[in-house]
Structure formats: structure tokens, C-alpha cells
Amino acid sequence: EVDRATHGNPGKLSFCFAEHSKWSFGSLAESRGAAPGADAVTVFAGEGPRCVVDQLSRTPESLASSIAACLRTLHSPKLVLVFDAMLVLGPEHARVFTYAGWDRERLLAELDQRLQIPGTELVRGAAGIAEGMPAAFAAHTLPKFRAGGLLLAGAGGAAGLFSAIIGGWANADIGSQPVTREVRT
């Protein structure tokens, strides 16, 4: 059978990475219900990773704003609530948040706050862009992601102020749901 997708990526068949075992935020699997320390896998239908570069932010507020700006462009800066995403923090970015006392919940809440988008920016035709939400949403502020739609993992090499975003496919009933399962041997 031939895949008839418009575009694809090598990760469509398989793309795996291990999280940092001593990451202060705990593992993605733990945040999704796996027992602490358990071997687990999260299956996430996503596109290829894109790099988040911020080598100057030294405060969690600045870095969260920078990451949120990158997340906002996922698939289209004018489409919200349709796609999930996975943010994979590199160790040096993670340290900025950890040293300031932020935990997983705080970081996700701060990102969510920065990803509340006025409907006037999202509607079709705004900024001269035909794509967007129906005009009925102009009076609302909408989040980029549905509740629980932004997953957070920690991985990457020791050096470099870089992180990655893996954009998901359409979510909920029209698409796919991330699934986490413990691996039993």
C-alpha cells in the first residue's frame, strides 16, 4: 500500500528519544500517569522536530516568552486548538527554569498564558492572511492548545541553549491522541 500523504517525514515510521533520567521536572511518562521510575513509552503522531534557539534569555520569563513565540507558529499562527505539540527542553534551557524554582506545572501554565491569542488576530483575513478562524471568534481570546495538548519532555546533549518542538497532527476525534504505556519485561 502506498502512503498518499501530501508531505511526510522519516519520523512517520519511527522516531524515538530517551529523556534525561535525572531531570528535575520528572519524566513525560510520569506526568501522564506512569509510576515514577517506570520504563514507559509515549506514542505521539508528530512532524519532524524543529529547533528553538534562544541563547540570550537568562530569566524564565524571557525564555518562556521566546518558546511561546515559537509554539505559536506551529502549523499556522492563526490556527488554534486543532493540533497538539511536544516541547522537548534541552538541558541548558531547562536549567533556566529549574534555577528559578519553576516546575513542570508552572512552565506549562506560563506558556499557556503566553499562548492566549486575541480572536482579532486569528480570524480569516486578519493581517492580510486568508487562513484563520471564522469571524465569530473575533470577540474571543483563544488558547493555542487544548487543555493537556502541550506535552513537555527533557532531552538533548549537555551543551547548547536549544530546545525542540514536535508538532502533532490533528487532535481529538478528528485526529490522534498521545498515548503513554509502561513497558513491561
N, C-alpha and C. Protein backbone atom coordinates (compact mmCIF):
# COMPACT_ATOMS: atom_id res chain seq x y z
N GLU A 1 0.84 -1.17 0.00
CA GLU A 1 0.00 0.00 0.00
C GLU A 1 0.89 1.24 0.00
N VAL A 2 0.49 2.25 -0.73
CA VAL A 2 1.26 3.47 -0.86
C VAL A 2 0.69 4.54 0.06
N ASP A 3 1.59 5.23 0.75
CA ASP A 3 1.19 6.36 1.59
C ASP A 3 0.86 7.53 0.67
N ARG A 4 -0.31 8.08 0.80
CA ARG A 4 -0.73 9.17 -0.07
C ARG A 4 -0.75 10.53 0.65
N ALA A 5 0.05 10.65 1.69
CA ALA A 5 0.13 11.92 2.41
C ALA A 5 0.72 13.00 1.50
N THR A 6 0.28 14.23 1.67
CA THR A 6 0.82 15.34 0.90
C THR A 6 2.31 15.51 1.21
N HIS A 7 2.64 15.47 2.48
CA HIS A 7 4.03 15.55 2.93
C HIS A 7 4.22 14.54 4.04
N GLY A 8 5.44 14.18 4.28
CA GLY A 8 5.73 13.25 5.37
C GLY A 8 7.08 13.57 5.97
N ASN A 9 7.53 12.71 6.84
CA ASN A 9 8.86 12.85 7.41
C ASN A 9 9.33 11.48 7.86
N PRO A 10 10.63 11.28 8.02
CA PRO A 10 11.13 9.97 8.42
C PRO A 10 10.54 9.49 9.75
N GLY A 11 10.16 10.41 10.63
CA GLY A 11 9.59 10.05 11.91
C GLY A 11 8.21 9.42 11.80
N LYS A 12 7.63 9.46 10.63
CA LYS A 12 6.32 8.86 10.44
C LYS A 12 6.39 7.35 10.70
N LEU A 13 7.53 6.75 10.43
CA LEU A 13 7.71 5.33 10.67
C LEU A 13 8.21 5.06 12.08
N SER A 14 9.14 5.88 12.55
CA SER A 14 9.66 5.71 13.90
C SER A 14 10.61 6.86 14.23
N PHE A 15 10.46 7.40 15.41
CA PHE A 15 11.34 8.45 15.91
C PHE A 15 11.31 8.34 17.42
N CYS A 16 12.44 8.03 18.01
CA CYS A 16 12.49 7.82 19.46
C CYS A 16 13.62 8.63 20.07
N PHE A 17 13.42 9.06 21.30
CA PHE A 17 14.50 9.66 22.07
C PHE A 17 14.27 9.32 23.53
N ALA A 18 15.37 9.24 24.27
CA ALA A 18 15.29 8.97 25.70
C ALA A 18 15.31 10.29 26.45
N GLU A 19 14.51 10.38 27.50
CA GLU A 19 14.52 11.57 28.34
C GLU A 19 15.70 11.50 29.31
N HIS A 20 16.09 12.67 29.82
CA HIS A 20 17.09 12.71 30.87
C HIS A 20 16.50 12.07 32.12
N SER A 21 17.18 11.08 32.66
CA SER A 21 16.64 10.34 33.81
C SER A 21 16.63 11.16 35.09
N LYS A 22 17.47 12.15 35.20
CA LYS A 22 17.54 12.94 36.43
C LYS A 22 16.98 14.35 36.24
N TRP A 23 16.12 14.53 35.28
CA TRP A 23 15.53 15.83 35.00
C TRP A 23 14.63 16.23 36.16
N SER A 24 14.77 17.45 36.64
CA SER A 24 14.04 17.89 37.84
C SER A 24 12.53 17.97 37.62
N PHE A 25 12.07 18.04 36.38
CA PHE A 25 10.64 18.13 36.11
C PHE A 25 9.95 16.77 36.14
N GLY A 26 10.70 15.69 36.31
CA GLY A 26 10.12 14.36 36.20
C GLY A 26 9.91 14.03 34.73
N SER A 27 9.62 12.78 34.45
CA SER A 27 9.50 12.36 33.05
C SER A 27 8.13 12.69 32.47
N LEU A 28 8.09 12.74 31.16
CA LEU A 28 6.82 12.90 30.46
C LEU A 28 5.87 11.78 30.86
N ALA A 29 6.39 10.56 30.92
CA ALA A 29 5.55 9.40 31.28
C ALA A 29 4.93 9.58 32.66
N GLU A 30 5.73 10.05 33.63
CA GLU A 30 5.19 10.28 34.98
C GLU A 30 4.09 11.33 34.95
N SER A 31 4.27 12.37 34.14
CA SER A 31 3.25 13.42 34.06
C SER A 31 1.97 12.90 33.41
N ARG A 32 2.08 11.77 32.74
CA ARG A 32 0.92 11.17 32.07
C ARG A 32 0.43 9.91 32.78
N GLY A 33 0.87 9.73 34.05
CA GLY A 33 0.31 8.66 34.87
C GLY A 33 1.16 7.44 35.11
N ALA A 34 2.33 7.34 34.49
CA ALA A 34 3.20 6.18 34.74
C ALA A 34 3.83 6.30 36.12
N ALA A 35 4.15 5.18 36.71
CA ALA A 35 4.79 5.16 38.02
C ALA A 35 6.17 5.81 37.94
N PRO A 36 6.58 6.55 38.99
CA PRO A 36 7.92 7.15 38.99
C PRO A 36 8.99 6.08 38.78
N GLY A 37 9.90 6.34 37.86
CA GLY A 37 10.99 5.42 37.58
C GLY A 37 10.63 4.28 36.64
N ALA A 38 9.38 4.16 36.27
CA ALA A 38 8.97 3.07 35.37
C ALA A 38 9.47 3.33 33.96
N ASP A 39 9.81 2.26 33.27
CA ASP A 39 10.11 2.38 31.85
C ASP A 39 8.78 2.54 31.12
N ALA A 40 8.69 3.54 30.28
CA ALA A 40 7.44 3.81 29.58
C ALA A 40 7.73 4.43 28.23
N VAL A 41 6.75 4.38 27.38
CA VAL A 41 6.85 4.98 26.05
C VAL A 41 5.58 5.80 25.80
N THR A 42 5.76 6.95 25.17
CA THR A 42 4.63 7.77 24.74
C THR A 42 4.61 7.76 23.22
N VAL A 43 3.49 7.36 22.66
CA VAL A 43 3.32 7.36 21.21
C VAL A 43 2.61 8.67 20.85
N PHE A 44 3.23 9.42 19.96
CA PHE A 44 2.76 10.76 19.60
C PHE A 44 2.89 10.91 18.09
N ALA A 45 1.81 11.12 17.40
CA ALA A 45 1.85 11.33 15.95
C ALA A 45 2.30 12.75 15.68
N GLY A 46 3.52 12.89 15.18
CA GLY A 46 4.05 14.23 15.01
C GLY A 46 4.88 14.41 13.77
N GLU A 47 5.15 15.66 13.48
CA GLU A 47 6.02 16.01 12.37
C GLU A 47 7.46 15.97 12.85
N GLY A 48 8.40 16.28 11.99
CA GLY A 48 9.80 16.32 12.38
C GLY A 48 10.06 17.44 13.38
N PRO A 49 11.07 17.26 14.23
CA PRO A 49 11.36 18.30 15.23
C PRO A 49 11.88 19.57 14.58
N ARG A 50 11.52 20.70 15.20
CA ARG A 50 12.06 21.99 14.77
C ARG A 50 12.81 22.60 15.95
N CYS A 51 13.87 23.29 15.65
CA CYS A 51 14.75 23.82 16.69
C CYS A 51 14.21 25.13 17.27
N VAL A 52 14.35 25.26 18.58
CA VAL A 52 14.07 26.51 19.28
C VAL A 52 15.42 27.04 19.74
N VAL A 53 15.81 28.18 19.23
CA VAL A 53 17.11 28.78 19.57
C VAL A 53 16.87 30.04 20.39
N ASP A 54 17.38 30.06 21.60
CA ASP A 54 17.40 31.27 22.42
C ASP A 54 18.64 31.16 23.28
N GLN A 55 19.68 31.87 22.89
CA GLN A 55 20.96 31.80 23.59
C GLN A 55 21.18 32.98 24.53
N LEU A 56 20.20 33.89 24.62
CA LEU A 56 20.39 35.08 25.44
C LEU A 56 19.51 35.15 26.67
N SER A 57 18.35 34.51 26.66
CA SER A 57 17.44 34.59 27.81
C SER A 57 18.06 33.94 29.04
N ARG A 58 18.09 34.68 30.13
CA ARG A 58 18.62 34.14 31.39
C ARG A 58 17.56 34.15 32.48
N THR A 59 16.36 34.64 32.15
CA THR A 59 15.25 34.60 33.11
C THR A 59 14.18 33.66 32.56
N PRO A 60 13.44 33.01 33.44
CA PRO A 60 12.41 32.10 32.95
C PRO A 60 11.31 32.84 32.19
N GLU A 61 11.04 34.06 32.57
CA GLU A 61 10.00 34.83 31.88
C GLU A 61 10.39 35.09 30.43
N SER A 62 11.62 35.53 30.21
CA SER A 62 12.08 35.80 28.85
C SER A 62 12.11 34.52 28.02
N LEU A 63 12.64 33.44 28.59
CA LEU A 63 12.73 32.19 27.85
C LEU A 63 11.35 31.62 27.55
N ALA A 64 10.43 31.71 28.50
CA ALA A 64 9.06 31.23 28.26
C ALA A 64 8.41 32.03 27.13
N SER A 65 8.64 33.33 27.10
CA SER A 65 8.08 34.16 26.03
C SER A 65 8.67 33.78 24.68
N SER A 66 9.96 33.50 24.65
CA SER A 66 10.63 33.10 23.41
C SER A 66 10.09 31.75 22.91
N ILE A 67 9.96 30.79 23.81
CA ILE A 67 9.44 29.48 23.43
C ILE A 67 7.99 29.60 22.97
N ALA A 68 7.19 30.40 23.67
CA ALA A 68 5.79 30.58 23.29
C ALA A 68 5.68 31.18 21.89
N ALA A 69 6.57 32.11 21.56
CA ALA A 69 6.54 32.70 20.21
C ALA A 69 6.79 31.63 19.15
N CYS A 70 7.68 30.69 19.44
CA CYS A 70 7.93 29.59 18.50
C CYS A 70 6.73 28.65 18.43
N LEU A 71 6.15 28.33 19.58
CA LEU A 71 4.99 27.44 19.61
C LEU A 71 3.80 28.04 18.86
N ARG A 72 3.66 29.33 18.92
CA ARG A 72 2.51 29.98 18.28
C ARG A 72 2.49 29.74 16.77
N THR A 73 3.65 29.60 16.16
CA THR A 73 3.70 29.43 14.70
C THR A 73 3.43 28.00 14.26
N LEU A 74 3.26 27.09 15.18
CA LEU A 74 3.05 25.68 14.84
C LEU A 74 1.89 25.53 13.86
N HIS A 75 2.16 24.92 12.73
CA HIS A 75 1.21 24.69 11.64
C HIS A 75 0.72 26.00 11.02
N SER A 76 0.23 26.91 11.80
CA SER A 76 -0.14 28.26 11.36
C SER A 76 -0.34 29.09 12.61
N PRO A 77 0.17 30.32 12.64
CA PRO A 77 -0.06 31.15 13.82
C PRO A 77 -1.53 31.53 13.99
N LYS A 78 -2.36 31.20 12.99
CA LYS A 78 -3.77 31.57 13.05
C LYS A 78 -4.70 30.39 13.33
N LEU A 79 -4.14 29.21 13.53
CA LEU A 79 -4.96 28.04 13.86
C LEU A 79 -4.70 27.63 15.30
N VAL A 80 -5.79 27.47 16.06
CA VAL A 80 -5.68 27.12 17.48
C VAL A 80 -6.55 25.91 17.80
N LEU A 81 -6.19 25.21 18.86
CA LEU A 81 -6.97 24.11 19.43
C LEU A 81 -7.07 22.87 18.55
N VAL A 82 -6.42 22.85 17.40
CA VAL A 82 -6.56 21.74 16.46
C VAL A 82 -5.40 20.76 16.56
N PHE A 83 -4.23 21.24 16.97
CA PHE A 83 -3.03 20.42 16.99
C PHE A 83 -2.43 20.38 18.39
N ASP A 84 -1.89 19.23 18.77
CA ASP A 84 -1.10 19.12 19.99
C ASP A 84 0.36 19.37 19.63
N ALA A 85 1.21 19.45 20.63
CA ALA A 85 2.65 19.61 20.39
C ALA A 85 3.41 19.01 21.56
N MET A 86 4.67 18.68 21.29
CA MET A 86 5.58 18.24 22.34
C MET A 86 6.76 19.21 22.36
N LEU A 87 7.00 19.81 23.51
CA LEU A 87 8.16 20.66 23.71
C LEU A 87 9.23 19.82 24.39
N VAL A 88 10.38 19.71 23.76
CA VAL A 88 11.50 18.94 24.31
C VAL A 88 12.56 19.94 24.74
N LEU A 89 12.64 20.18 26.04
CA LEU A 89 13.61 21.16 26.57
C LEU A 89 15.00 20.56 26.62
N GLY A 90 15.95 21.29 26.07
CA GLY A 90 17.34 20.91 26.22
C GLY A 90 17.80 21.24 27.64
N PRO A 91 18.89 20.61 28.10
CA PRO A 91 19.33 20.79 29.49
C PRO A 91 19.62 22.23 29.89
N GLU A 92 20.24 23.02 29.01
CA GLU A 92 20.57 24.39 29.40
C GLU A 92 19.32 25.26 29.47
N HIS A 93 18.36 25.06 28.61
CA HIS A 93 17.09 25.78 28.74
C HIS A 93 16.37 25.32 30.01
N ALA A 94 16.37 24.03 30.27
CA ALA A 94 15.70 23.51 31.47
C ALA A 94 16.30 24.12 32.74
N ARG A 95 17.62 24.32 32.75
CA ARG A 95 18.28 24.90 33.93
C ARG A 95 17.78 26.31 34.23
N VAL A 96 17.48 27.08 33.19
CA VAL A 96 16.96 28.44 33.41
C VAL A 96 15.69 28.38 34.26
N PHE A 97 14.81 27.43 33.93
CA PHE A 97 13.56 27.29 34.68
C PHE A 97 13.80 26.68 36.06
N THR A 98 14.63 25.66 36.12
CA THR A 98 14.89 24.97 37.39
C THR A 98 15.54 25.91 38.41
N TYR A 99 16.55 26.67 37.99
CA TYR A 99 17.24 27.58 38.92
C TYR A 99 16.30 28.66 39.45
N ALA A 100 15.26 28.98 38.71
CA ALA A 100 14.29 30.00 39.15
C ALA A 100 13.17 29.38 40.00
N GLY A 101 13.23 28.06 40.19
CA GLY A 101 12.23 27.39 41.02
C GLY A 101 10.96 26.99 40.29
N TRP A 102 10.97 27.08 38.97
CA TRP A 102 9.79 26.67 38.20
C TRP A 102 9.77 25.15 38.09
N ASP A 103 8.58 24.57 38.16
CA ASP A 103 8.41 23.14 37.92
C ASP A 103 7.62 22.96 36.62
N ARG A 104 7.33 21.72 36.29
CA ARG A 104 6.59 21.41 35.06
C ARG A 104 5.27 22.18 34.98
N GLU A 105 4.51 22.14 36.06
CA GLU A 105 3.20 22.79 36.06
C GLU A 105 3.31 24.30 35.86
N ARG A 106 4.29 24.90 36.51
CA ARG A 106 4.47 26.35 36.37
C ARG A 106 4.85 26.71 34.93
N LEU A 107 5.79 25.96 34.36
CA LEU A 107 6.21 26.26 32.99
C LEU A 107 5.03 26.10 32.02
N LEU A 108 4.29 25.02 32.14
CA LEU A 108 3.15 24.82 31.24
C LEU A 108 2.10 25.92 31.42
N ALA A 109 1.87 26.33 32.66
CA ALA A 109 0.90 27.41 32.92
C ALA A 109 1.38 28.73 32.32
N GLU A 110 2.67 29.02 32.47
CA GLU A 110 3.22 30.26 31.91
C GLU A 110 3.16 30.26 30.39
N LEU A 111 3.45 29.11 29.78
CA LEU A 111 3.35 29.02 28.32
C LEU A 111 1.91 29.19 27.87
N ASP A 112 0.99 28.54 28.59
CA ASP A 112 -0.43 28.67 28.25
C ASP A 112 -0.87 30.13 28.32
N GLN A 113 -0.43 30.83 29.35
CA GLN A 113 -0.79 32.24 29.50
C GLN A 113 -0.28 33.06 28.31
N ARG A 114 0.94 32.75 27.86
CA ARG A 114 1.53 33.49 26.74
C ARG A 114 0.94 33.07 25.39
N LEU A 115 0.21 31.98 25.38
CA LEU A 115 -0.39 31.47 24.15
C LEU A 115 -1.90 31.68 24.10
N GLN A 116 -2.39 32.66 24.86
CA GLN A 116 -3.78 33.11 24.77
C GLN A 116 -3.81 34.18 23.68
N ILE A 117 -4.52 33.91 22.61
CA ILE A 117 -4.41 34.76 21.42
C ILE A 117 -5.74 35.47 21.16
N PRO A 118 -5.70 36.79 21.00
CA PRO A 118 -6.93 37.53 20.69
C PRO A 118 -7.53 37.05 19.37
N GLY A 119 -8.82 36.83 19.38
CA GLY A 119 -9.51 36.37 18.19
C GLY A 119 -9.35 37.29 17.00
N THR A 120 -9.17 38.58 17.26
CA THR A 120 -8.99 39.53 16.16
C THR A 120 -7.73 39.23 15.35
N GLU A 121 -6.75 38.56 15.97
CA GLU A 121 -5.53 38.17 15.26
C GLU A 121 -5.68 36.84 14.54
N LEU A 122 -6.71 36.07 14.92
CA LEU A 122 -6.88 34.72 14.41
C LEU A 122 -7.86 34.59 13.26
N VAL A 123 -8.76 35.56 13.13
CA VAL A 123 -9.84 35.41 12.14
C VAL A 123 -9.32 35.50 10.71
N ARG A 124 -10.08 34.90 9.82
CA ARG A 124 -9.75 34.91 8.40
C ARG A 124 -9.64 36.36 7.91
N GLY A 125 -8.57 36.62 7.20
CA GLY A 125 -8.36 37.96 6.65
C GLY A 125 -7.51 38.86 7.53
N ALA A 126 -7.39 38.56 8.82
CA ALA A 126 -6.55 39.40 9.70
C ALA A 126 -5.11 39.36 9.21
N ALA A 127 -4.46 40.50 9.26
CA ALA A 127 -3.07 40.66 8.81
C ALA A 127 -2.91 40.32 7.33
N GLY A 128 -4.01 40.39 6.57
CA GLY A 128 -3.95 40.11 5.14
C GLY A 128 -3.78 38.64 4.79
N ILE A 129 -4.07 37.75 5.75
CA ILE A 129 -3.91 36.31 5.55
C ILE A 129 -5.29 35.67 5.49
N ALA A 130 -5.58 34.96 4.41
CA ALA A 130 -6.90 34.35 4.23
C ALA A 130 -7.17 33.26 5.26
N GLU A 131 -6.15 32.50 5.64
CA GLU A 131 -6.32 31.41 6.61
C GLU A 131 -6.73 31.97 7.95
N GLY A 132 -7.46 31.19 8.71
CA GLY A 132 -7.80 31.61 10.07
C GLY A 132 -9.11 31.06 10.55
N MET A 133 -9.52 31.54 11.69
CA MET A 133 -10.75 31.11 12.35
C MET A 133 -11.94 31.89 11.77
N PRO A 134 -13.15 31.32 11.87
CA PRO A 134 -14.34 32.05 11.42
C PRO A 134 -14.50 33.38 12.18
N ALA A 135 -15.14 34.34 11.55
CA ALA A 135 -15.31 35.69 12.11
C ALA A 135 -15.97 35.68 13.48
N ALA A 136 -16.77 34.68 13.78
CA ALA A 136 -17.47 34.61 15.07
C ALA A 136 -16.50 34.56 16.25
N PHE A 137 -15.24 34.20 16.00
CA PHE A 137 -14.26 34.10 17.08
C PHE A 137 -13.53 35.42 17.35
N ALA A 138 -13.80 36.45 16.60
CA ALA A 138 -13.08 37.73 16.74
C ALA A 138 -13.20 38.32 18.13
N ALA A 139 -14.31 38.12 18.80
CA ALA A 139 -14.53 38.72 20.13
C ALA A 139 -13.97 37.87 21.27
N HIS A 140 -13.33 36.76 20.94
CA HIS A 140 -12.85 35.84 21.98
C HIS A 140 -11.33 35.80 22.02
N THR A 141 -10.80 35.39 23.15
CA THR A 141 -9.39 35.07 23.28
C THR A 141 -9.31 33.55 23.37
N LEU A 142 -8.46 32.96 22.53
CA LEU A 142 -8.39 31.50 22.45
C LEU A 142 -6.99 31.00 22.75
N PRO A 143 -6.87 29.82 23.39
CA PRO A 143 -5.56 29.23 23.64
C PRO A 143 -5.05 28.53 22.38
N LYS A 144 -3.75 28.53 22.19
CA LYS A 144 -3.17 27.81 21.05
C LYS A 144 -3.46 26.32 21.15
N PHE A 145 -3.36 25.76 22.37
CA PHE A 145 -3.52 24.32 22.56
C PHE A 145 -4.70 24.02 23.47
N ARG A 146 -5.33 22.88 23.24
CA ARG A 146 -6.37 22.40 24.14
C ARG A 146 -5.74 22.05 25.48
N ALA A 147 -6.53 21.93 26.52
CA ALA A 147 -6.02 21.53 27.84
C ALA A 147 -5.30 20.19 27.70
N GLY A 148 -4.07 20.13 28.18
CA GLY A 148 -3.27 18.90 28.08
C GLY A 148 -2.66 18.67 26.71
N GLY A 149 -2.83 19.61 25.79
CA GLY A 149 -2.35 19.42 24.43
C GLY A 149 -0.90 19.79 24.21
N LEU A 150 -0.24 20.37 25.21
CA LEU A 150 1.19 20.65 25.11
C LEU A 150 1.91 19.71 26.06
N LEU A 151 2.67 18.78 25.50
CA LEU A 151 3.43 17.81 26.28
C LEU A 151 4.84 18.37 26.50
N LEU A 152 5.45 18.01 27.62
CA LEU A 152 6.77 18.53 27.97
C LEU A 152 7.70 17.39 28.33
N ALA A 153 8.83 17.33 27.63
CA ALA A 153 9.85 16.31 27.89
C ALA A 153 11.20 17.01 28.01
N GLY A 154 12.18 16.31 28.57
CA GLY A 154 13.53 16.84 28.69
C GLY A 154 14.52 15.90 28.05
N ALA A 155 15.29 16.40 27.09
CA ALA A 155 16.27 15.56 26.40
C ALA A 155 17.29 16.45 25.71
N GLY A 156 18.32 15.83 25.18
CA GLY A 156 19.30 16.57 24.41
C GLY A 156 20.68 16.50 25.03
N GLY A 157 21.66 16.95 24.28
CA GLY A 157 23.04 16.95 24.74
C GLY A 157 23.27 17.99 25.82
N ALA A 158 24.42 17.91 26.45
CA ALA A 158 24.69 18.75 27.62
C ALA A 158 24.86 20.23 27.28
N ALA A 159 25.44 20.54 26.15
CA ALA A 159 25.74 21.94 25.84
C ALA A 159 24.79 22.48 24.77
N GLY A 160 24.49 23.76 24.89
CA GLY A 160 23.68 24.42 23.87
C GLY A 160 22.36 24.91 24.41
N LEU A 161 22.06 26.16 24.16
CA LEU A 161 20.80 26.77 24.59
C LEU A 161 19.76 26.56 23.50
N PHE A 162 19.39 25.29 23.32
CA PHE A 162 18.46 24.88 22.29
C PHE A 162 17.41 23.95 22.88
N SER A 163 16.25 23.97 22.31
CA SER A 163 15.19 23.01 22.62
C SER A 163 14.56 22.61 21.30
N ALA A 164 13.50 21.82 21.34
CA ALA A 164 12.85 21.38 20.11
C ALA A 164 11.34 21.33 20.31
N ILE A 165 10.63 21.55 19.23
CA ILE A 165 9.18 21.41 19.20
C ILE A 165 8.84 20.34 18.17
N ILE A 166 8.00 19.41 18.58
CA ILE A 166 7.48 18.40 17.66
C ILE A 166 5.98 18.69 17.52
N GLY A 167 5.60 19.17 16.38
CA GLY A 167 4.19 19.48 16.14
C GLY A 167 3.39 18.22 15.92
N GLY A 168 2.22 18.16 16.52
CA GLY A 168 1.37 16.98 16.36
C GLY A 168 0.43 17.11 15.18
N TRP A 169 -0.19 16.01 14.86
CA TRP A 169 -1.23 16.00 13.84
C TRP A 169 -2.51 16.49 14.47
N ALA A 170 -3.55 16.58 13.69
CA ALA A 170 -4.85 16.98 14.23
C ALA A 170 -5.19 16.11 15.44
N ASN A 171 -5.81 16.72 16.45
CA ASN A 171 -6.06 16.00 17.70
C ASN A 171 -7.53 15.65 17.86
N ALA A 172 -7.82 15.04 18.98
CA ALA A 172 -9.19 14.70 19.41
C ALA A 172 -9.85 13.74 18.43
N ASP A 173 -11.15 13.85 18.30
CA ASP A 173 -11.91 12.90 17.49
C ASP A 173 -11.55 12.93 16.01
N ILE A 174 -11.06 14.07 15.52
CA ILE A 174 -10.73 14.16 14.09
C ILE A 174 -9.31 13.68 13.79
N GLY A 175 -8.51 13.40 14.82
CA GLY A 175 -7.12 13.06 14.59
C GLY A 175 -6.60 11.97 15.49
N SER A 176 -5.57 12.30 16.25
CA SER A 176 -4.91 11.31 17.07
C SER A 176 -4.78 11.79 18.51
N GLN A 177 -4.55 10.86 19.40
CA GLN A 177 -4.37 11.14 20.82
C GLN A 177 -3.02 10.58 21.27
N PRO A 178 -2.19 11.36 21.95
CA PRO A 178 -0.97 10.80 22.52
C PRO A 178 -1.33 9.72 23.54
N VAL A 179 -0.56 8.64 23.54
CA VAL A 179 -0.82 7.52 24.45
C VAL A 179 0.48 7.15 25.15
N THR A 180 0.44 6.99 26.47
CA THR A 180 1.61 6.57 27.24
C THR A 180 1.31 5.23 27.89
N ARG A 181 2.27 4.30 27.77
CA ARG A 181 2.13 2.98 28.38
C ARG A 181 3.45 2.58 29.03
N GLU A 182 3.35 1.94 30.18
CA GLU A 182 4.53 1.37 30.81
C GLU A 182 4.99 0.16 30.01
N VAL A 183 6.31 0.00 29.92
CA VAL A 183 6.90 -1.14 29.22
C VAL A 183 7.16 -2.22 30.26
N ARG A 184 6.59 -3.37 30.05
CA ARG A 184 6.77 -4.49 30.98
C ARG A 184 7.67 -5.53 30.33
N THR A 185 8.61 -6.02 31.11
CA THR A 185 9.54 -7.03 30.57
C THR A 185 9.28 -8.38 31.18
